[in-house]
N, C-alpha and C. Protein backbone atom coordinates (compact mmCIF):
# COMPACT_ATOMS: atom_id res chain seq x y z
N MET A 1 25.64 67.77 48.19
CA MET A 1 26.95 67.70 47.47
C MET A 1 27.62 69.11 47.98
N LEU A 2 26.88 69.94 47.58
CA LEU A 2 27.32 71.46 47.79
C LEU A 2 27.83 71.92 49.03
N ARG A 3 26.93 71.55 50.03
CA ARG A 3 27.51 71.63 51.06
C ARG A 3 28.69 70.94 51.93
N SER A 4 29.12 70.16 51.72
CA SER A 4 30.30 69.20 51.79
C SER A 4 31.58 69.93 51.01
N ILE A 5 31.40 70.57 50.07
CA ILE A 5 32.37 71.22 49.32
C ILE A 5 32.71 72.69 50.19
N LEU A 6 31.86 73.29 50.39
CA LEU A 6 32.02 74.56 51.00
C LEU A 6 32.90 74.85 52.13
N PRO A 7 32.42 73.78 53.26
CA PRO A 7 33.22 73.93 54.30
C PRO A 7 34.85 73.51 53.92
N LEU A 8 34.94 72.51 52.91
CA LEU A 8 36.34 71.99 52.29
C LEU A 8 37.29 73.36 51.99
N THR A 9 36.54 74.22 51.32
CA THR A 9 36.81 75.38 50.50
C THR A 9 37.59 76.40 51.42
N ALA A 10 36.65 76.49 52.54
CA ALA A 10 36.93 77.48 53.33
C ALA A 10 38.16 76.95 54.50
N LEU A 11 38.05 75.46 54.62
CA LEU A 11 39.48 75.18 55.24
C LEU A 11 40.48 75.48 54.33
N LEU A 12 40.45 75.10 53.30
CA LEU A 12 41.81 75.13 52.60
C LEU A 12 42.30 76.86 52.21
N LEU A 13 40.93 77.67 52.25
CA LEU A 13 41.60 79.13 52.24
C LEU A 13 41.87 79.57 53.50
N LEU A 14 41.69 78.87 54.84
CA LEU A 14 42.27 79.26 56.09
C LEU A 14 43.67 78.89 56.30
N LEU A 15 44.04 77.38 55.81
CA LEU A 15 45.31 77.04 56.00
C LEU A 15 46.20 77.78 54.69
N GLY A 16 45.62 78.05 53.69
CA GLY A 16 46.48 78.71 52.50
C GLY A 16 46.80 80.46 53.64
N SER A 17 45.83 81.15 54.14
CA SER A 17 45.99 82.16 54.74
C SER A 17 47.02 82.12 55.95
N GLY A 18 46.86 80.84 56.48
CA GLY A 18 48.00 80.67 57.79
C GLY A 18 49.30 80.37 57.16
N CYS A 19 49.64 79.73 55.97
CA CYS A 19 51.25 79.89 55.38
C CYS A 19 51.51 81.24 54.84
N ALA A 20 50.77 82.07 54.51
CA ALA A 20 50.98 83.27 53.80
C ALA A 20 51.57 84.21 55.12
N THR A 21 50.91 83.99 56.22
CA THR A 21 51.28 84.53 57.55
C THR A 21 52.45 84.34 57.98
N THR A 22 52.51 82.72 58.00
CA THR A 22 53.89 82.42 58.75
C THR A 22 55.09 82.80 57.46
N GLN A 23 55.08 82.64 56.56
CA GLN A 23 55.93 82.89 55.34
C GLN A 23 56.14 84.66 55.39
N SER A 24 55.36 85.60 55.68
CA SER A 24 55.37 86.85 56.10
C SER A 24 56.39 87.21 57.42
N LEU A 25 55.97 86.17 58.24
CA LEU A 25 57.03 86.51 59.66
C LEU A 25 58.40 85.72 59.39
N GLN A 26 58.79 85.16 58.42
CA GLN A 26 60.10 84.36 58.35
C GLN A 26 61.03 85.18 58.38
N PRO A 27 61.49 86.44 57.78
CA PRO A 27 62.32 87.13 57.59
C PRO A 27 62.40 87.67 59.73
N GLU A 28 61.46 88.07 60.25
CA GLU A 28 61.34 88.58 61.41
C GLU A 28 61.78 87.29 62.43
N LEU A 29 61.40 85.96 62.23
CA LEU A 29 61.92 85.03 63.05
C LEU A 29 63.50 84.83 62.82
N ASP A 30 63.78 84.90 61.48
CA ASP A 30 65.30 84.75 61.14
C ASP A 30 66.29 85.77 61.81
N ALA A 31 65.62 87.07 61.84
CA ALA A 31 66.48 88.25 62.60
C ALA A 31 66.39 88.09 64.11
N CYS A 32 65.72 87.53 64.72
CA CYS A 32 65.21 87.17 66.02
C CYS A 32 66.26 85.98 66.68
N ASN A 33 66.55 84.89 65.74
CA ASN A 33 67.53 84.15 65.97
C ASN A 33 68.67 84.40 65.54
N SER A 34 69.31 85.26 65.04
CA SER A 34 70.43 85.91 64.56
C SER A 34 70.50 86.63 65.51
N LYS A 35 69.92 87.28 66.55
CA LYS A 35 70.33 88.15 67.45
C LYS A 35 70.53 87.34 68.73
N LEU A 36 69.62 86.20 69.10
CA LEU A 36 69.77 85.13 69.69
C LEU A 36 71.15 84.70 69.83
N SER A 37 71.62 84.26 68.52
CA SER A 37 72.91 83.58 68.53
C SER A 37 74.28 84.74 68.95
N ALA A 38 73.94 85.68 68.30
CA ALA A 38 74.89 86.94 68.67
C ALA A 38 75.04 87.24 70.23
N CYS A 39 73.99 87.31 70.74
CA CYS A 39 73.51 87.24 72.39
C CYS A 39 74.48 86.00 73.20
N THR A 40 74.13 84.94 72.78
CA THR A 40 74.66 83.74 73.11
C THR A 40 76.28 83.61 73.21
N ASP A 41 76.55 84.33 71.86
CA ASP A 41 78.27 84.01 71.91
C ASP A 41 78.75 85.53 72.77
N GLU A 42 78.24 86.77 72.67
CA GLU A 42 78.47 87.46 73.56
C GLU A 42 78.61 87.25 75.07
N LEU A 43 77.39 86.48 75.34
CA LEU A 43 77.65 85.82 76.73
C LEU A 43 78.93 84.84 77.11
N ALA A 44 79.03 83.96 76.20
CA ALA A 44 80.41 82.95 76.18
C ALA A 44 81.60 83.99 76.31
N ALA A 45 81.54 84.87 75.59
CA ALA A 45 82.90 85.76 75.85
C ALA A 45 82.77 86.68 76.88
N ALA A 46 81.96 87.09 77.51
CA ALA A 46 82.12 87.43 78.74
C ALA A 46 81.76 86.82 79.72
N LYS A 47 81.70 85.47 79.74
CA LYS A 47 81.97 84.66 80.98
C LYS A 47 83.59 84.23 80.77
N ALA A 48 83.90 84.14 79.48
CA ALA A 48 85.84 83.54 79.71
C ALA A 48 86.52 84.74 79.88
N GLU A 49 86.00 86.09 79.64
CA GLU A 49 86.68 87.67 80.38
C GLU A 49 86.82 87.28 81.86
N VAL A 50 85.59 86.93 82.07
CA VAL A 50 85.46 87.08 83.82
C VAL A 50 85.90 86.28 84.27
N LYS A 51 86.32 84.89 83.91
CA LYS A 51 87.00 83.94 84.26
C LYS A 51 88.47 84.29 84.11
N ARG A 52 89.04 84.95 82.98
CA ARG A 52 90.36 85.51 82.99
C ARG A 52 90.72 86.53 83.69
N LEU A 53 89.61 87.52 83.95
CA LEU A 53 90.04 88.79 84.99
C LEU A 53 90.27 87.75 86.44
N GLN A 54 89.18 86.81 86.45
CA GLN A 54 89.80 86.28 87.89
C GLN A 54 90.79 85.38 88.19
N ALA A 55 91.41 84.98 87.28
CA ALA A 55 92.73 84.60 87.24
C ALA A 55 93.64 85.22 87.39
N ILE A 56 93.58 86.59 87.01
CA ILE A 56 94.55 87.61 86.86
C ILE A 56 94.45 88.15 88.26
N ALA A 57 93.47 88.23 88.90
CA ALA A 57 92.89 88.92 90.28
C ALA A 57 94.01 87.74 91.41
N ASP A 58 93.61 86.63 90.89
CA ASP A 58 94.15 85.49 91.74
C ASP A 58 95.67 85.45 91.51
N LEU A 59 96.21 85.45 90.67
CA LEU A 59 97.75 85.61 90.30
C LEU A 59 98.31 86.61 91.27
N ALA A 60 97.63 87.82 91.23
CA ALA A 60 97.90 89.16 92.12
C ALA A 60 97.90 88.67 93.32
N ASP A 61 97.15 88.29 93.81
CA ASP A 61 96.79 87.97 95.34
C ASP A 61 97.81 86.89 95.87
N LYS A 62 98.53 86.14 95.15
CA LYS A 62 99.12 85.04 95.06
C LYS A 62 100.64 85.80 95.51
N ARG A 63 100.63 86.76 94.39
CA ARG A 63 102.35 87.43 94.31
C ARG A 63 102.37 88.50 95.44
N VAL A 64 101.09 89.42 96.18
CA VAL A 64 101.24 90.08 97.18
C VAL A 64 101.47 89.30 98.52
N LYS A 65 100.84 87.87 98.31
CA LYS A 65 101.13 87.26 99.68
C LYS A 65 102.42 86.74 100.04
N ALA A 66 103.07 86.34 98.63
CA ALA A 66 104.58 85.87 98.45
C ALA A 66 105.40 87.32 98.73
N TYR A 67 104.99 88.45 98.51
CA TYR A 67 105.89 89.63 98.49
C TYR A 67 105.83 90.29 100.25
N ARG A 68 104.64 90.00 100.65
CA ARG A 68 104.36 90.64 101.78
C ARG A 68 104.86 89.15 103.09
N ASP A 69 105.14 87.82 102.42
CA ASP A 69 105.64 87.45 103.36
C ASP A 69 107.20 87.54 103.38
N LEU A 70 107.86 87.77 102.29
CA LEU A 70 109.46 87.99 102.09
C LEU A 70 109.72 89.71 102.81
N ALA A 71 108.67 90.63 102.64
CA ALA A 71 109.16 91.65 103.06
C ALA A 71 109.23 91.30 104.58
N LYS A 72 108.51 90.80 105.46
CA LYS A 72 108.49 90.66 106.80
C LYS A 72 109.76 90.00 107.10
N ARG A 73 110.11 88.57 106.38
CA ARG A 73 111.34 88.02 106.68
C ARG A 73 112.65 88.98 106.33
N LEU A 74 112.44 89.99 105.66
CA LEU A 74 113.66 90.80 105.40
C LEU A 74 113.54 91.79 106.57
N GLN A 75 112.32 92.63 107.12
CA GLN A 75 112.51 93.24 108.20
C GLN A 75 112.85 92.86 109.62
N ASP A 76 112.49 91.35 109.90
CA ASP A 76 112.73 90.85 111.14
C ASP A 76 114.64 90.45 111.00
N ALA A 77 114.98 90.35 109.79
CA ALA A 77 116.25 89.70 109.57
C ALA A 77 117.20 90.98 109.86
N PHE A 78 116.69 92.27 109.08
CA PHE A 78 117.61 93.27 108.86
C PHE A 78 117.56 94.51 110.11
N GLY A 79 115.76 94.73 110.62
CA GLY A 79 115.78 95.65 111.47
C GLY A 79 115.13 96.66 110.85
N ALA A 80 114.30 97.61 111.48
CA ALA A 80 113.33 98.72 110.79
C ALA A 80 114.56 99.78 110.30
N ASP A 81 115.80 99.88 110.86
CA ASP A 81 116.78 101.25 110.30
C ASP A 81 117.18 100.91 109.24
N GLY A 82 117.03 101.91 108.23
CA GLY A 82 117.60 102.05 107.14
C GLY A 82 117.44 101.00 106.06
N LEU A 83 116.19 100.40 106.29
CA LEU A 83 116.05 99.55 105.36
C LEU A 83 114.15 100.29 104.59
N GLU A 84 114.29 100.21 103.51
CA GLU A 84 112.85 100.40 102.99
C GLU A 84 112.36 99.75 101.98
N ILE A 85 111.01 99.22 102.43
CA ILE A 85 110.60 97.93 101.51
C ILE A 85 109.04 98.36 100.63
N PHE A 86 108.98 98.15 99.52
CA PHE A 86 107.74 98.83 98.70
C PHE A 86 107.33 97.93 97.78
N LEU A 87 106.39 97.90 97.11
CA LEU A 87 105.98 97.95 95.44
C LEU A 87 105.78 98.73 94.81
N ARG A 88 106.53 98.52 93.52
CA ARG A 88 106.72 99.71 92.32
C ARG A 88 106.22 98.84 91.04
N ASN A 89 105.32 99.05 90.40
CA ASN A 89 105.01 98.58 89.07
C ASN A 89 104.83 96.87 89.04
N GLY A 90 104.41 96.46 90.45
CA GLY A 90 104.15 95.27 90.84
C GLY A 90 105.29 94.27 91.31
N ARG A 91 106.47 94.97 91.47
CA ARG A 91 107.68 94.50 92.04
C ARG A 91 107.93 95.18 93.69
N LEU A 92 108.42 93.96 94.16
CA LEU A 92 108.88 94.53 95.32
C LEU A 92 110.17 94.84 95.37
N ILE A 93 110.76 96.02 95.96
CA ILE A 93 111.83 96.98 96.11
C ILE A 93 112.20 97.06 97.39
N VAL A 94 113.62 96.50 97.53
CA VAL A 94 114.22 96.55 98.97
C VAL A 94 115.31 97.95 98.66
N GLN A 95 114.97 99.06 99.31
CA GLN A 95 116.21 100.05 99.14
C GLN A 95 116.97 100.10 100.77
N LEU A 96 118.27 100.24 100.39
CA LEU A 96 119.17 100.66 101.34
C LEU A 96 119.90 102.06 100.58
N PRO A 97 119.80 102.61 101.73
CA PRO A 97 120.42 104.19 101.08
C PRO A 97 122.13 104.14 101.18
N ASN A 98 122.75 104.75 100.15
CA ASN A 98 124.35 104.86 99.88
C ASN A 98 125.08 105.24 101.26
N ARG A 99 124.54 105.91 102.28
CA ARG A 99 125.36 106.17 103.71
C ARG A 99 125.66 105.14 103.99
N ILE A 100 124.72 103.95 104.12
CA ILE A 100 125.25 102.91 104.80
C ILE A 100 126.28 101.70 104.07
N LEU A 101 125.86 102.11 102.61
CA LEU A 101 126.93 101.13 101.72
C LEU A 101 128.11 101.55 101.21
N PHE A 102 127.95 102.85 100.84
CA PHE A 102 129.32 103.64 100.19
C PHE A 102 129.66 105.10 100.74
N ASP A 103 131.07 105.42 100.88
CA ASP A 103 131.41 106.80 100.98
C ASP A 103 131.07 107.74 99.43
N LEU A 104 130.81 108.39 99.92
CA LEU A 104 130.49 109.51 98.77
C LEU A 104 131.69 109.22 97.48
N GLY A 105 131.00 109.38 96.31
CA GLY A 105 131.99 109.20 95.32
C GLY A 105 132.63 107.70 95.14
N GLU A 106 132.42 106.75 95.77
CA GLU A 106 132.99 105.42 95.92
C GLU A 106 132.09 104.40 95.68
N ALA A 107 132.93 103.29 95.17
CA ALA A 107 131.89 101.92 94.69
C ALA A 107 132.37 100.82 95.37
N LYS A 108 133.19 101.10 96.44
CA LYS A 108 133.75 100.23 97.46
C LYS A 108 132.58 99.91 98.47
N VAL A 109 131.98 98.65 98.60
CA VAL A 109 131.26 98.76 99.96
C VAL A 109 132.03 98.81 101.48
N LYS A 110 131.33 99.76 102.14
CA LYS A 110 131.85 99.93 103.34
C LYS A 110 132.00 98.69 104.25
N PRO A 111 132.45 98.42 105.36
CA PRO A 111 132.36 97.37 106.42
C PRO A 111 130.85 97.44 106.75
N GLU A 112 130.34 98.41 107.24
CA GLU A 112 129.22 98.60 107.96
C GLU A 112 128.04 97.96 106.80
N GLY A 113 128.10 98.24 105.66
CA GLY A 113 127.35 98.08 104.30
C GLY A 113 127.67 96.36 104.13
N VAL A 114 128.71 96.08 104.34
CA VAL A 114 128.97 94.42 104.08
C VAL A 114 128.09 93.67 105.14
N GLU A 115 128.13 94.47 106.28
CA GLU A 115 127.20 93.59 107.47
C GLU A 115 126.03 93.85 107.00
N ALA A 116 125.53 94.64 106.77
CA ALA A 116 123.89 95.04 106.19
C ALA A 116 123.71 93.86 105.13
N LEU A 117 124.59 93.69 104.13
CA LEU A 117 124.14 92.79 103.15
C LEU A 117 124.39 91.68 103.39
N LYS A 118 125.14 91.22 104.36
CA LYS A 118 125.06 89.69 104.96
C LYS A 118 123.56 89.54 105.66
N LYS A 119 122.85 90.30 106.24
CA LYS A 119 121.52 89.96 106.70
C LYS A 119 120.73 90.05 105.44
N LEU A 120 120.82 90.74 104.65
CA LEU A 120 119.73 90.79 103.39
C LEU A 120 120.18 89.26 102.47
N ALA A 121 121.36 88.89 102.54
CA ALA A 121 121.44 87.64 101.59
C ALA A 121 120.91 86.38 102.23
N SER A 122 120.85 86.67 103.76
CA SER A 122 120.35 85.74 104.82
C SER A 122 119.00 85.12 104.46
N VAL A 123 118.57 86.18 103.70
CA VAL A 123 117.18 86.14 103.37
C VAL A 123 116.77 85.70 101.76
N LEU A 124 117.76 86.37 101.08
CA LEU A 124 117.64 86.28 99.72
C LEU A 124 117.83 84.69 99.20
N SER A 125 119.06 84.28 100.00
CA SER A 125 119.40 82.61 99.51
C SER A 125 118.55 81.83 99.85
N THR A 126 117.80 82.20 100.56
CA THR A 126 116.52 80.99 100.77
C THR A 126 115.26 80.81 99.86
N VAL A 127 115.26 81.87 99.00
CA VAL A 127 114.45 81.92 97.69
C VAL A 127 114.92 81.78 96.57
N PRO A 128 115.61 80.45 96.26
CA PRO A 128 116.38 79.93 95.03
C PRO A 128 115.47 80.21 93.66
N GLU A 129 114.38 80.37 93.53
CA GLU A 129 113.38 80.42 92.49
C GLU A 129 113.19 81.87 92.28
N ARG A 130 114.03 83.11 92.57
CA ARG A 130 113.78 84.31 92.50
C ARG A 130 114.88 85.01 91.83
N GLN A 131 114.69 86.08 91.07
CA GLN A 131 115.70 86.91 90.40
C GLN A 131 115.71 88.22 91.00
N PHE A 132 116.66 88.46 91.30
CA PHE A 132 117.10 89.79 91.65
C PHE A 132 118.07 91.00 90.71
N LEU A 133 117.51 92.28 90.56
CA LEU A 133 118.42 93.11 90.02
C LEU A 133 118.75 94.13 90.92
N ILE A 134 119.95 94.42 91.05
CA ILE A 134 120.21 95.41 91.72
C ILE A 134 121.00 96.53 91.21
N ALA A 135 120.40 97.63 91.62
CA ALA A 135 120.22 98.84 90.53
C ALA A 135 120.73 99.94 91.50
N GLY A 136 121.94 100.53 91.10
CA GLY A 136 122.37 101.51 91.96
C GLY A 136 121.94 103.24 91.38
N HIS A 137 121.87 104.36 92.29
CA HIS A 137 121.23 105.29 91.82
C HIS A 137 122.32 106.26 92.62
N THR A 138 122.31 107.64 91.93
CA THR A 138 123.25 108.52 92.33
C THR A 138 122.30 110.09 92.10
N ASP A 139 123.13 111.07 92.74
CA ASP A 139 122.16 112.38 92.34
C ASP A 139 122.58 112.81 91.09
N ASN A 140 122.69 114.17 90.97
CA ASN A 140 122.97 114.60 89.45
C ASN A 140 124.33 115.49 89.43
N VAL A 141 125.08 115.38 90.84
CA VAL A 141 126.30 116.17 91.05
C VAL A 141 127.52 115.56 90.37
N PRO A 142 127.75 116.04 89.14
CA PRO A 142 129.00 115.32 88.21
C PRO A 142 130.09 114.59 89.26
N VAL A 143 130.48 113.26 88.65
CA VAL A 143 131.76 113.24 89.20
C VAL A 143 133.01 114.01 89.37
N LYS A 144 134.07 113.77 90.04
CA LYS A 144 134.93 114.61 90.18
C LYS A 144 136.03 114.24 88.93
N PRO A 145 136.41 115.26 88.10
CA PRO A 145 137.68 115.03 86.82
C PRO A 145 138.42 114.50 87.33
N THR A 146 139.00 114.00 88.58
CA THR A 146 140.09 113.16 89.01
C THR A 146 139.37 111.84 89.52
N ALA A 147 137.97 111.67 89.49
CA ALA A 147 137.52 110.25 90.07
C ALA A 147 138.12 109.46 89.02
N ARG A 148 138.01 108.04 89.64
CA ARG A 148 138.30 107.06 88.85
C ARG A 148 137.01 106.58 87.82
N TYR A 149 136.02 107.27 87.58
CA TYR A 149 134.71 107.20 87.37
C TYR A 149 134.59 108.06 86.02
N GLU A 150 134.03 107.98 84.78
CA GLU A 150 133.85 108.77 84.09
C GLU A 150 132.50 109.70 84.06
N SER A 151 131.49 109.05 84.76
CA SER A 151 130.28 109.44 84.87
C SER A 151 129.45 109.02 85.86
N ASN A 152 128.35 109.45 86.46
CA ASN A 152 127.56 108.92 87.52
C ASN A 152 127.26 107.46 86.92
N TRP A 153 126.62 107.85 85.78
CA TRP A 153 126.27 106.08 85.25
C TRP A 153 127.36 105.13 85.50
N GLU A 154 128.58 105.12 85.22
CA GLU A 154 129.45 104.40 85.34
C GLU A 154 129.53 104.13 87.07
N LEU A 155 129.35 105.15 87.66
CA LEU A 155 129.42 104.83 89.31
C LEU A 155 128.47 103.84 89.76
N SER A 156 127.42 104.19 89.39
CA SER A 156 126.06 103.84 89.88
C SER A 156 125.93 102.26 89.22
N THR A 157 126.60 101.95 88.41
CA THR A 157 126.49 100.67 87.91
C THR A 157 127.74 99.81 88.66
N LEU A 158 128.79 100.63 89.04
CA LEU A 158 129.87 99.48 89.68
C LEU A 158 129.32 99.61 91.12
N ARG A 159 128.58 100.30 91.41
CA ARG A 159 127.95 99.95 92.66
C ARG A 159 127.19 98.60 92.91
N GLY A 160 126.20 98.75 91.84
CA GLY A 160 125.52 97.76 91.63
C GLY A 160 126.20 96.41 91.58
N LEU A 161 127.23 96.40 91.06
CA LEU A 161 127.77 95.34 90.73
C LEU A 161 128.68 94.93 92.25
N ALA A 162 129.10 95.90 92.54
CA ALA A 162 129.80 95.58 94.06
C ALA A 162 129.22 95.12 95.33
N VAL A 163 127.55 95.26 95.02
CA VAL A 163 126.49 94.60 96.07
C VAL A 163 126.33 93.46 95.38
N VAL A 164 126.43 93.21 94.03
CA VAL A 164 125.94 91.58 93.71
C VAL A 164 127.28 90.91 94.04
N LYS A 165 128.41 91.45 94.15
CA LYS A 165 129.55 90.53 94.70
C LYS A 165 129.51 90.24 95.95
N VAL A 166 128.91 91.25 96.88
CA VAL A 166 128.91 90.80 98.23
C VAL A 166 127.62 89.88 98.73
N LEU A 167 126.90 89.85 97.81
CA LEU A 167 125.58 89.12 97.98
C LEU A 167 126.16 87.84 97.49
N GLY A 168 126.79 87.65 96.32
CA GLY A 168 127.31 86.21 96.14
C GLY A 168 128.40 85.76 97.03
N ALA A 169 128.98 86.57 97.63
CA ALA A 169 130.09 85.85 98.88
C ALA A 169 129.39 85.52 99.82
N ASN A 170 127.91 85.77 100.07
CA ASN A 170 127.12 85.21 101.02
C ASN A 170 126.32 84.42 100.65
N LYS A 171 125.96 83.40 99.80
CA LYS A 171 125.58 82.22 99.43
C LYS A 171 124.05 82.64 98.58
N VAL A 172 123.79 83.80 98.12
CA VAL A 172 123.22 84.20 97.01
C VAL A 172 123.75 83.67 95.85
N SER A 173 123.19 83.02 94.93
CA SER A 173 123.31 82.42 93.81
C SER A 173 123.59 83.38 92.79
N PRO A 174 124.71 83.45 91.98
CA PRO A 174 125.08 84.34 91.01
C PRO A 174 124.17 84.21 89.78
N THR A 175 123.51 83.08 89.59
CA THR A 175 122.58 82.92 88.33
C THR A 175 121.12 83.56 88.87
N GLN A 176 121.05 84.04 89.93
CA GLN A 176 119.85 85.03 90.59
C GLN A 176 119.83 86.26 90.36
N MET A 177 121.32 87.01 90.02
CA MET A 177 121.27 88.07 90.08
C MET A 177 121.89 88.77 88.98
N GLY A 178 121.53 90.38 88.95
CA GLY A 178 122.21 91.00 87.91
C GLY A 178 122.28 92.53 88.54
N ALA A 179 123.30 93.26 87.76
CA ALA A 179 123.44 94.59 88.22
C ALA A 179 123.08 95.49 87.14
N ALA A 180 122.57 96.93 87.43
CA ALA A 180 122.30 97.64 86.52
C ALA A 180 122.86 99.03 87.57
N GLY A 181 122.87 100.06 86.55
CA GLY A 181 123.16 101.72 87.01
C GLY A 181 122.40 102.47 85.74
N TYR A 182 121.54 103.30 86.72
CA TYR A 182 120.98 104.08 86.24
C TYR A 182 121.05 105.82 86.33
N GLY A 183 122.29 105.93 87.05
CA GLY A 183 122.96 107.23 87.45
C GLY A 183 122.19 107.96 88.16
N GLU A 184 121.64 109.40 87.51
CA GLU A 184 121.12 110.55 87.98
C GLU A 184 119.60 110.55 87.46
N PHE A 185 119.45 109.36 86.60
CA PHE A 185 118.06 109.51 85.90
C PHE A 185 117.04 109.07 86.09
N MET A 186 117.00 108.53 87.36
CA MET A 186 115.96 108.06 88.14
C MET A 186 115.69 108.25 89.41
N PRO A 187 115.45 110.00 89.76
CA PRO A 187 115.63 110.49 91.22
C PRO A 187 114.45 110.21 91.57
N GLU A 188 114.29 109.99 93.34
CA GLU A 188 113.30 109.74 94.12
C GLU A 188 112.70 111.44 94.51
N ALA A 189 113.71 112.32 94.17
CA ALA A 189 113.32 113.33 95.10
C ALA A 189 114.35 114.69 94.31
N SER A 190 113.84 115.75 94.67
CA SER A 190 114.72 116.87 93.86
C SER A 190 115.89 116.96 94.20
N ASN A 191 116.65 117.27 92.98
CA ASN A 191 118.48 117.36 93.62
C ASN A 191 118.78 118.81 93.80
N ASP A 192 117.75 119.68 94.25
CA ASP A 192 118.05 120.95 94.63
C ASP A 192 118.51 121.06 95.76
N THR A 193 118.00 119.87 96.93
CA THR A 193 118.54 120.23 98.15
C THR A 193 119.22 118.97 98.50
N GLU A 194 120.14 119.20 99.40
CA GLU A 194 120.94 118.24 100.14
C GLU A 194 120.21 116.88 100.65
N ASP A 195 118.92 117.21 101.18
CA ASP A 195 118.11 116.08 101.86
C ASP A 195 117.68 115.35 100.67
N GLY A 196 117.18 115.84 98.94
CA GLY A 196 116.98 115.56 98.04
C GLY A 196 118.08 114.55 97.44
N ARG A 197 119.00 115.19 97.48
CA ARG A 197 120.35 114.37 96.84
C ARG A 197 120.55 113.20 97.66
N LEU A 198 120.31 113.52 98.99
CA LEU A 198 120.99 112.29 99.96
C LEU A 198 119.75 111.04 99.63
N GLN A 199 118.44 111.30 99.17
CA GLN A 199 117.46 110.07 99.23
C GLN A 199 117.97 109.77 97.65
N ASN A 200 118.32 110.68 96.65
CA ASN A 200 118.42 110.05 95.17
C ASN A 200 120.06 109.19 95.27
N ARG A 201 121.00 109.13 96.10
CA ARG A 201 121.81 108.33 96.15
C ARG A 201 121.28 107.31 97.02
N ARG A 202 121.06 105.99 96.33
CA ARG A 202 120.72 104.50 96.94
C ARG A 202 121.00 103.24 96.12
N THR A 203 120.76 102.65 96.79
CA THR A 203 120.96 101.13 95.95
C THR A 203 119.48 100.46 96.08
N GLU A 204 119.08 99.74 95.11
CA GLU A 204 118.06 99.08 95.40
C GLU A 204 117.98 97.67 94.76
N ILE A 205 117.36 96.70 95.66
CA ILE A 205 117.16 95.19 95.13
C ILE A 205 115.92 95.22 94.72
N ILE A 206 115.63 94.99 93.29
CA ILE A 206 114.60 94.53 93.08
C ILE A 206 114.26 92.92 92.87
N ILE A 207 113.01 92.69 93.38
CA ILE A 207 112.66 91.36 93.41
C ILE A 207 111.57 91.08 91.94
N MET A 208 112.30 90.11 91.23
CA MET A 208 111.19 89.91 89.97
C MET A 208 110.09 89.15 90.42
N PRO A 209 109.10 89.15 89.78
CA PRO A 209 107.89 88.29 89.73
C PRO A 209 108.56 86.89 88.98
N LEU A 210 107.64 85.82 89.44
CA LEU A 210 108.24 84.62 88.97
C LEU A 210 106.92 84.40 87.84
N LEU A 211 107.36 83.72 86.43
CA LEU A 211 106.69 83.48 85.37
C LEU A 211 105.27 83.32 85.95
N SER A 212 105.30 82.21 87.07
CA SER A 212 103.88 81.75 87.47
C SER A 212 103.09 82.84 87.70
N GLU A 213 103.78 83.88 88.44
CA GLU A 213 102.67 85.06 88.72
C GLU A 213 102.43 85.94 87.65
N ILE A 214 102.91 85.84 86.61
CA ILE A 214 102.45 86.70 85.42
C ILE A 214 101.17 85.76 84.55
N PRO A 215 100.12 86.90 84.48
CA PRO A 215 99.19 86.35 83.52
C PRO A 215 99.18 86.24 82.46
N GLU A 216 98.47 85.42 81.50
CA GLU A 216 98.88 85.21 80.49
C GLU A 216 98.21 86.51 79.58
N LEU A 217 98.67 87.00 78.50
CA LEU A 217 98.02 88.08 77.23
C LEU A 217 96.88 87.49 76.67
N PRO A 218 95.97 88.09 76.68
CA PRO A 218 94.75 87.55 75.85
C PRO A 218 95.51 87.66 74.27
N ALA A 219 94.76 86.43 73.80
CA ALA A 219 95.19 86.35 72.29
C ALA A 219 94.60 87.76 71.42
N LEU A 220 95.70 87.76 70.53
CA LEU A 220 95.51 89.00 69.47
C LEU A 220 94.64 88.54 68.40
């Protein structure tokens, strides 16, 4: 009888020791499970961020392709002389020097400027989904006291408006256009030289991105 009791006692002691060992490891197991859960959440967040960044990259590629196609059509219609096309802050800029469009200190479009804008309108009128901001710029030489304009700011704004009117008369919808004037406050070159002032006297047609081309902001 004593022999049968001894193995049973040893078994119970062994099982008790195992339970004690498991209980002592439980905090470590809980910590591992917590770390695993945190890592899983981080992995899911990383995958979501990769997906968001890929969507942004796809939108950027789509916008660049659309801009490239439009730029080619503008160059084909207008020719290389006098027309500059470039990207700035994600927007396509079509730049015309004021020597083509306006006489010095004037806001009336010259006949050769009207012809140039007609070529421009022949392309812009075929993209009714786009918005265009026509922006006038001047050098820093003050307007003459006898001028019809109080400042370069007013002169540049009226030049932008004059271009809007010519484009509107050539089938570009008025719902697609706005006019702005920046005066001498956004120079491209130094106003210390005549060449620099010539570069600063310009009119820009800013082609705005579509809402579908703008990525959604991440939730705050």
